[in-house]
All heavy atoms as atom14 arrays in JSON, in Angstrom:
{
  "sequence": "DHVVNVTKEIRAMAKGRKGVTRIVYGGSAGPGT",
  "atom14_mask": [
    [1, 1, 1, 1, 1, 1, 1, 1, 0, 0, 0, 0, 0, 0],
    [1, 1, 1, 1, 1, 1, 1, 1, 1, 1, 0, 0, 0, 0],
    [1, 1, 1, 1, 1, 1, 1, 0, 0, 0, 0, 0, 0, 0],
    [1, 1, 1, 1, 1, 1, 1, 0, 0, 0, 0, 0, 0, 0],
    [1, 1, 1, 1, 1, 1, 1, 1, 0, 0, 0, 0, 0, 0],
    [1, 1, 1, 1, 1, 1, 1, 0, 0, 0, 0, 0, 0, 0],
    [1, 1, 1, 1, 1, 1, 1, 0, 0, 0, 0, 0, 0, 0],
    [1, 1, 1, 1, 1, 1, 1, 1, 1, 0, 0, 0, 0, 0],
    [1, 1, 1, 1, 1, 1, 1, 1, 1, 0, 0, 0, 0, 0],
    [1, 1, 1, 1, 1, 1, 1, 1, 0, 0, 0, 0, 0, 0],
    [1, 1, 1, 1, 1, 1, 1, 1, 1, 1, 1, 0, 0, 0],
    [1, 1, 1, 1, 1, 0, 0, 0, 0, 0, 0, 0, 0, 0],
    [1, 1, 1, 1, 1, 1, 1, 1, 0, 0, 0, 0, 0, 0],
    [1, 1, 1, 1, 1, 0, 0, 0, 0, 0, 0, 0, 0, 0],
    [1, 1, 1, 1, 1, 1, 1, 1, 1, 0, 0, 0, 0, 0],
    [1, 1, 1, 1, 0, 0, 0, 0, 0, 0, 0, 0, 0, 0],
    [1, 1, 1, 1, 1, 1, 1, 1, 1, 1, 1, 0, 0, 0],
    [1, 1, 1, 1, 1, 1, 1, 1, 1, 0, 0, 0, 0, 0],
    [1, 1, 1, 1, 0, 0, 0, 0, 0, 0, 0, 0, 0, 0],
    [1, 1, 1, 1, 1, 1, 1, 0, 0, 0, 0, 0, 0, 0],
    [1, 1, 1, 1, 1, 1, 1, 0, 0, 0, 0, 0, 0, 0],
    [1, 1, 1, 1, 1, 1, 1, 1, 1, 1, 1, 0, 0, 0],
    [1, 1, 1, 1, 1, 1, 1, 1, 0, 0, 0, 0, 0, 0],
    [1, 1, 1, 1, 1, 1, 1, 0, 0, 0, 0, 0, 0, 0],
    [1, 1, 1, 1, 1, 1, 1, 1, 1, 1, 1, 1, 0, 0],
    [1, 1, 1, 1, 0, 0, 0, 0, 0, 0, 0, 0, 0, 0],
    [1, 1, 1, 1, 0, 0, 0, 0, 0, 0, 0, 0, 0, 0],
    [1, 1, 1, 1, 1, 1, 0, 0, 0, 0, 0, 0, 0, 0],
    [1, 1, 1, 1, 1, 0, 0, 0, 0, 0, 0, 0, 0, 0],
    [1, 1, 1, 1, 0, 0, 0, 0, 0, 0, 0, 0, 0, 0],
    [1, 1, 1, 1, 1, 1, 1, 0, 0, 0, 0, 0, 0, 0],
    [1, 1, 1, 1, 0, 0, 0, 0, 0, 0, 0, 0, 0, 0],
    [1, 1, 1, 1, 1, 1, 1, 0, 0, 0, 0, 0, 0, 0]
  ],
  "atom14_positions": [
    [[1.55, -16.04, -23.38], [1.35, -16.7, -24.67], [0.42, -17.9, -24.53], [-0.42, -18.15, -25.4], [2.69, -17.15, -25.27], [3.51, -15.98, -25.79], [2.93, -14.89, -26.0], [4.73, -16.15, -25.97], [0.0, 0.0, 0.0], [0.0, 0.0, 0.0], [0.0, 0.0, 0.0], [0.0, 0.0, 0.0], [0.0, 0.0, 0.0], [0.0, 0.0, 0.0]],
    [[0.59, -18.64, -23.46], [-0.28, -19.8, -23.22], [-1.73, -19.36, -23.07], [-2.63, -19.91, -23.71], [0.19, -20.53, -21.96], [-0.65, -21.73, -21.61], [-0.4, -22.98, -22.13], [-1.73, -21.85, -20.8], [-1.29, -23.83, -21.66], [-2.11, -23.17, -20.85], [0.0, 0.0, 0.0], [0.0, 0.0, 0.0], [0.0, 0.0, 0.0], [0.0, 0.0, 0.0]],
    [[-1.96, -18.34, -22.25], [-3.32, -17.86, -22.01], [-3.96, -17.36, -23.31], [-5.11, -17.71, -23.63], [-3.33, -16.74, -20.95], [-4.73, -16.14, -20.83], [-2.87, -17.28, -19.61], [0.0, 0.0, 0.0], [0.0, 0.0, 0.0], [0.0, 0.0, 0.0], [0.0, 0.0, 0.0], [0.0, 0.0, 0.0], [0.0, 0.0, 0.0], [0.0, 0.0, 0.0]],
    [[-3.23, -16.57, -24.07], [-3.78, -16.02, -25.31], [-4.11, -17.13, -26.3], [-5.19, -17.15, -26.91], [-2.81, -14.99, -25.93], [-3.28, -14.6, -27.34], [-2.7, -13.77, -25.05], [0.0, 0.0, 0.0], [0.0, 0.0, 0.0], [0.0, 0.0, 0.0], [0.0, 0.0, 0.0], [0.0, 0.0, 0.0], [0.0, 0.0, 0.0], [0.0, 0.0, 0.0]],
    [[-3.2, -18.07, -26.47], [-3.44, -19.15, -27.42], [-4.62, -20.02, -27.01], [-5.44, -20.41, -27.86], [-2.18, -20.01, -27.57], [-1.09, -19.32, -28.36], [-1.37, -18.57, -29.3], [0.16, -19.56, -28.0], [0.0, 0.0, 0.0], [0.0, 0.0, 0.0], [0.0, 0.0, 0.0], [0.0, 0.0, 0.0], [0.0, 0.0, 0.0], [0.0, 0.0, 0.0]],
    [[-4.74, -20.31, -25.73], [-5.86, -21.15, -25.27], [-7.17, -20.39, -25.37], [-8.18, -20.93, -25.86], [-5.61, -21.65, -23.84], [-6.84, -22.4, -23.32], [-4.4, -22.57, -23.78], [0.0, 0.0, 0.0], [0.0, 0.0, 0.0], [0.0, 0.0, 0.0], [0.0, 0.0, 0.0], [0.0, 0.0, 0.0], [0.0, 0.0, 0.0], [0.0, 0.0, 0.0]],
    [[-7.2, -19.14, -24.92], [-8.46, -18.41, -24.91], [-8.95, -18.07, -26.32], [-10.16, -17.99, -26.56], [-8.36, -17.13, -24.06], [-7.2, -16.37, -24.46], [-8.24, -17.47, -22.59], [0.0, 0.0, 0.0], [0.0, 0.0, 0.0], [0.0, 0.0, 0.0], [0.0, 0.0, 0.0], [0.0, 0.0, 0.0], [0.0, 0.0, 0.0], [0.0, 0.0, 0.0]],
    [[-8.04, -17.9, -27.25], [-8.47, -17.7, -28.64], [-9.21, -18.94, -29.15], [-10.2, -18.84, -29.88], [-7.28, -17.37, -29.53], [-6.81, -15.93, -29.42], [-5.68, -15.63, -30.41], [-5.31, -14.15, -30.39], [-4.22, -13.84, -31.35], [0.0, 0.0, 0.0], [0.0, 0.0, 0.0], [0.0, 0.0, 0.0], [0.0, 0.0, 0.0], [0.0, 0.0, 0.0]],
    [[-8.72, -20.11, -28.77], [-9.39, -21.35, -29.18], [-10.73, -21.5, -28.45], [-11.7, -21.99, -29.04], [-8.49, -22.55, -28.89], [-7.25, -22.62, -29.77], [-7.61, -22.77, -31.24], [-8.56, -23.52, -31.55], [-6.94, -22.15, -32.09], [0.0, 0.0, 0.0], [0.0, 0.0, 0.0], [0.0, 0.0, 0.0], [0.0, 0.0, 0.0], [0.0, 0.0, 0.0]],
    [[-10.78, -21.09, -27.21], [-12.04, -21.14, -26.47], [-13.07, -20.22, -27.12], [-14.24, -20.57, -27.27], [-11.81, -20.76, -24.99], [-10.99, -21.85, -24.28], [-13.15, -20.54, -24.27], [-10.52, -21.46, -22.89], [0.0, 0.0, 0.0], [0.0, 0.0, 0.0], [0.0, 0.0, 0.0], [0.0, 0.0, 0.0], [0.0, 0.0, 0.0], [0.0, 0.0, 0.0]],
    [[-12.63, -19.03, -27.52], [-13.57, -18.11, -28.18], [-14.09, -18.71, -29.49], [-15.25, -18.53, -29.85], [-12.88, -16.77, -28.44], [-13.86, -15.64, -28.73], [-13.17, -14.31, -28.92], [-12.42, -13.86, -27.77], [-12.98, -13.24, -26.73], [-14.28, -13.02, -26.71], [-12.22, -12.84, -25.72], [0.0, 0.0, 0.0], [0.0, 0.0, 0.0], [0.0, 0.0, 0.0]],
    [[-13.22, -19.43, -30.19], [-13.66, -20.06, -31.44], [-14.74, -21.11, -31.18], [-15.61, -21.33, -32.03], [-12.46, -20.69, -32.14], [0.0, 0.0, 0.0], [0.0, 0.0, 0.0], [0.0, 0.0, 0.0], [0.0, 0.0, 0.0], [0.0, 0.0, 0.0], [0.0, 0.0, 0.0], [0.0, 0.0, 0.0], [0.0, 0.0, 0.0], [0.0, 0.0, 0.0]],
    [[-14.7, -21.74, -30.02], [-15.72, -22.74, -29.69], [-17.11, -22.11, -29.59], [-18.12, -22.79, -29.82], [-15.38, -23.42, -28.36], [-14.09, -24.2, -28.36], [-13.68, -24.81, -26.69], [-11.93, -25.17, -26.87], [0.0, 0.0, 0.0], [0.0, 0.0, 0.0], [0.0, 0.0, 0.0], [0.0, 0.0, 0.0], [0.0, 0.0, 0.0], [0.0, 0.0, 0.0]],
    [[-17.17, -20.85, -29.23], [-18.45, -20.16, -29.07], [-18.82, -19.33, -30.29], [-19.85, -18.63, -30.29], [-18.4, -19.26, -27.83], [0.0, 0.0, 0.0], [0.0, 0.0, 0.0], [0.0, 0.0, 0.0], [0.0, 0.0, 0.0], [0.0, 0.0, 0.0], [0.0, 0.0, 0.0], [0.0, 0.0, 0.0], [0.0, 0.0, 0.0], [0.0, 0.0, 0.0]],
    [[-18.0, -19.4, -31.33], [-18.26, -18.6, -32.53], [-19.61, -18.98, -33.15], [-19.96, -20.15, -33.25], [-17.15, -18.82, -33.55], [-17.25, -17.92, -34.77], [-16.07, -18.12, -35.7], [-16.16, -17.2, -36.91], [-15.0, -17.38, -37.83], [0.0, 0.0, 0.0], [0.0, 0.0, 0.0], [0.0, 0.0, 0.0], [0.0, 0.0, 0.0], [0.0, 0.0, 0.0]],
    [[-20.36, -17.96, -33.55], [-21.64, -18.2, -34.18], [-22.82, -18.17, -33.23], [-23.97, -18.18, -33.68], [0.0, 0.0, 0.0], [0.0, 0.0, 0.0], [0.0, 0.0, 0.0], [0.0, 0.0, 0.0], [0.0, 0.0, 0.0], [0.0, 0.0, 0.0], [0.0, 0.0, 0.0], [0.0, 0.0, 0.0], [0.0, 0.0, 0.0], [0.0, 0.0, 0.0]],
    [[-22.57, -18.14, -31.93], [-23.67, -18.04, -30.97], [-24.34, -16.67, -31.11], [-23.7, -15.67, -31.41], [-23.18, -18.18, -29.53], [-22.63, -19.53, -29.16], [-22.36, -19.59, -27.65], [-23.59, -19.62, -26.89], [-24.02, -18.67, -26.07], [-23.29, -17.56, -25.91], [-25.15, -18.78, -25.42], [0.0, 0.0, 0.0], [0.0, 0.0, 0.0], [0.0, 0.0, 0.0]],
    [[-25.63, -16.63, -30.86], [-26.36, -15.37, -30.89], [-26.16, -14.58, -29.6], [-26.25, -13.35, -29.59], [-27.85, -15.64, -31.12], [-28.15, -16.26, -32.48], [-29.63, -16.51, -32.64], [-29.94, -17.16, -33.99], [-31.38, -17.47, -34.14], [0.0, 0.0, 0.0], [0.0, 0.0, 0.0], [0.0, 0.0, 0.0], [0.0, 0.0, 0.0], [0.0, 0.0, 0.0]],
    [[-25.91, -15.27, -28.51], [-25.72, -14.61, -27.23], [-24.3, -14.12, -27.05], [-23.36, -14.59, -27.7], [0.0, 0.0, 0.0], [0.0, 0.0, 0.0], [0.0, 0.0, 0.0], [0.0, 0.0, 0.0], [0.0, 0.0, 0.0], [0.0, 0.0, 0.0], [0.0, 0.0, 0.0], [0.0, 0.0, 0.0], [0.0, 0.0, 0.0], [0.0, 0.0, 0.0]],
    [[-24.13, -13.18, -26.14], [-22.82, -12.63, -25.83], [-22.0, -13.66, -25.05], [-22.49, -14.25, -24.09], [-22.95, -11.34, -25.01], [-21.58, -10.87, -24.51], [-23.61, -10.25, -25.83], [0.0, 0.0, 0.0], [0.0, 0.0, 0.0], [0.0, 0.0, 0.0], [0.0, 0.0, 0.0], [0.0, 0.0, 0.0], [0.0, 0.0, 0.0], [0.0, 0.0, 0.0]],
    [[-20.78, -13.85, -25.48], [-19.84, -14.72, -24.77], [-18.61, -13.89, -24.42], [-17.91, -13.41, -25.31], [-19.41, -15.92, -25.63], [-20.57, -16.65, -26.04], [-18.5, -16.85, -24.84], [0.0, 0.0, 0.0], [0.0, 0.0, 0.0], [0.0, 0.0, 0.0], [0.0, 0.0, 0.0], [0.0, 0.0, 0.0], [0.0, 0.0, 0.0], [0.0, 0.0, 0.0]],
    [[-18.37, -13.72, -23.14], [-17.16, -13.02, -22.71], [-16.23, -14.0, -22.01], [-16.68, -14.93, -21.34], [-17.5, -11.83, -21.8], [-18.09, -10.67, -22.57], [-18.22, -9.4, -21.73], [-19.37, -9.46, -20.85], [-19.77, -8.44, -20.1], [-19.1, -7.3, -20.12], [-20.83, -8.55, -19.33], [0.0, 0.0, 0.0], [0.0, 0.0, 0.0], [0.0, 0.0, 0.0]],
    [[-14.94, -13.74, -22.15], [-13.92, -14.6, -21.56], [-13.06, -13.78, -20.62], [-12.57, -12.71, -20.99], [-13.04, -15.24, -22.65], [-13.91, -16.12, -23.58], [-11.93, -16.08, -22.03], [-13.15, -16.67, -24.76], [0.0, 0.0, 0.0], [0.0, 0.0, 0.0], [0.0, 0.0, 0.0], [0.0, 0.0, 0.0], [0.0, 0.0, 0.0], [0.0, 0.0, 0.0]],
    [[-12.9, -14.28, -19.4], [-12.02, -13.64, -18.43], [-10.96, -14.64, -18.0], [-11.15, -15.86, -18.1], [-12.79, -13.12, -17.2], [-13.74, -11.99, -17.61], [-13.55, -14.24, -16.51], [0.0, 0.0, 0.0], [0.0, 0.0, 0.0], [0.0, 0.0, 0.0], [0.0, 0.0, 0.0], [0.0, 0.0, 0.0], [0.0, 0.0, 0.0], [0.0, 0.0, 0.0]],
    [[-9.85, -14.12, -17.52], [-8.79, -14.98, -17.02], [-8.71, -14.87, -15.5], [-8.79, -13.79, -14.93], [-7.42, -14.6, -17.6], [-6.28, -15.33, -16.9], [-6.02, -16.67, -17.2], [-5.53, -14.71, -15.91], [-5.02, -17.36, -16.54], [-4.52, -15.39, -15.25], [-4.28, -16.73, -15.56], [-3.3, -17.42, -14.89], [0.0, 0.0, 0.0], [0.0, 0.0, 0.0]],
    [[-8.54, -16.03, -14.85], [-8.3, -16.08, -13.42], [-7.17, -17.06, -13.14], [-6.96, -18.0, -13.89], [0.0, 0.0, 0.0], [0.0, 0.0, 0.0], [0.0, 0.0, 0.0], [0.0, 0.0, 0.0], [0.0, 0.0, 0.0], [0.0, 0.0, 0.0], [0.0, 0.0, 0.0], [0.0, 0.0, 0.0], [0.0, 0.0, 0.0], [0.0, 0.0, 0.0]],
    [[-6.5, -16.85, -12.05], [-5.37, -17.71, -11.7], [-4.16, -16.87, -11.4], [-3.32, -16.63, -12.26], [0.0, 0.0, 0.0], [0.0, 0.0, 0.0], [0.0, 0.0, 0.0], [0.0, 0.0, 0.0], [0.0, 0.0, 0.0], [0.0, 0.0, 0.0], [0.0, 0.0, 0.0], [0.0, 0.0, 0.0], [0.0, 0.0, 0.0], [0.0, 0.0, 0.0]],
    [[-4.11, -16.33, -10.16], [-3.01, -15.47, -9.72], [-2.91, -14.2, -10.56], [-1.81, -13.69, -10.81], [-1.68, -16.23, -9.74], [-1.76, -17.39, -8.94], [0.0, 0.0, 0.0], [0.0, 0.0, 0.0], [0.0, 0.0, 0.0], [0.0, 0.0, 0.0], [0.0, 0.0, 0.0], [0.0, 0.0, 0.0], [0.0, 0.0, 0.0], [0.0, 0.0, 0.0]],
    [[-4.05, -13.69, -11.01], [-4.06, -12.47, -11.81], [-3.88, -11.25, -10.92], [-4.29, -11.23, -9.76], [-5.38, -12.36, -12.58], [0.0, 0.0, 0.0], [0.0, 0.0, 0.0], [0.0, 0.0, 0.0], [0.0, 0.0, 0.0], [0.0, 0.0, 0.0], [0.0, 0.0, 0.0], [0.0, 0.0, 0.0], [0.0, 0.0, 0.0], [0.0, 0.0, 0.0]],
    [[-3.26, -10.22, -11.49], [-3.03, -8.99, -10.74], [-2.55, -7.89, -11.67], [-2.75, -7.95, -12.88], [0.0, 0.0, 0.0], [0.0, 0.0, 0.0], [0.0, 0.0, 0.0], [0.0, 0.0, 0.0], [0.0, 0.0, 0.0], [0.0, 0.0, 0.0], [0.0, 0.0, 0.0], [0.0, 0.0, 0.0], [0.0, 0.0, 0.0], [0.0, 0.0, 0.0]],
    [[-1.86, -6.88, -11.15], [-1.34, -5.8, -11.98], [-0.4, -6.34, -13.05], [0.43, -7.22, -12.78], [-0.6, -4.91, -10.99], [-1.22, -5.21, -9.68], [-1.58, -6.65, -9.72], [0.0, 0.0, 0.0], [0.0, 0.0, 0.0], [0.0, 0.0, 0.0], [0.0, 0.0, 0.0], [0.0, 0.0, 0.0], [0.0, 0.0, 0.0], [0.0, 0.0, 0.0]],
    [[-0.53, -5.84, -14.25], [0.32, -6.27, -15.34], [-0.19, -7.47, -16.1], [0.3, -7.77, -17.19], [0.0, 0.0, 0.0], [0.0, 0.0, 0.0], [0.0, 0.0, 0.0], [0.0, 0.0, 0.0], [0.0, 0.0, 0.0], [0.0, 0.0, 0.0], [0.0, 0.0, 0.0], [0.0, 0.0, 0.0], [0.0, 0.0, 0.0], [0.0, 0.0, 0.0]],
    [[-1.19, -8.16, -15.55], [-1.68, -9.38, -16.21], [-2.47, -9.05, -17.48], [-2.19, -9.62, -18.54], [-2.57, -10.2, -15.25], [-1.83, -10.55, -14.08], [-3.06, -11.47, -15.93], [0.0, 0.0, 0.0], [0.0, 0.0, 0.0], [0.0, 0.0, 0.0], [0.0, 0.0, 0.0], [0.0, 0.0, 0.0], [0.0, 0.0, 0.0], [0.0, 0.0, 0.0]]
  ]
}
């Protein structure tokens, strides 16, 4: 829930850009993440 809520806000920061903005998560990521 923390990751989703934060990354949604991060995506909003880049809203309106003409270039592609992709967001990935790192930090002990693995199967099921």
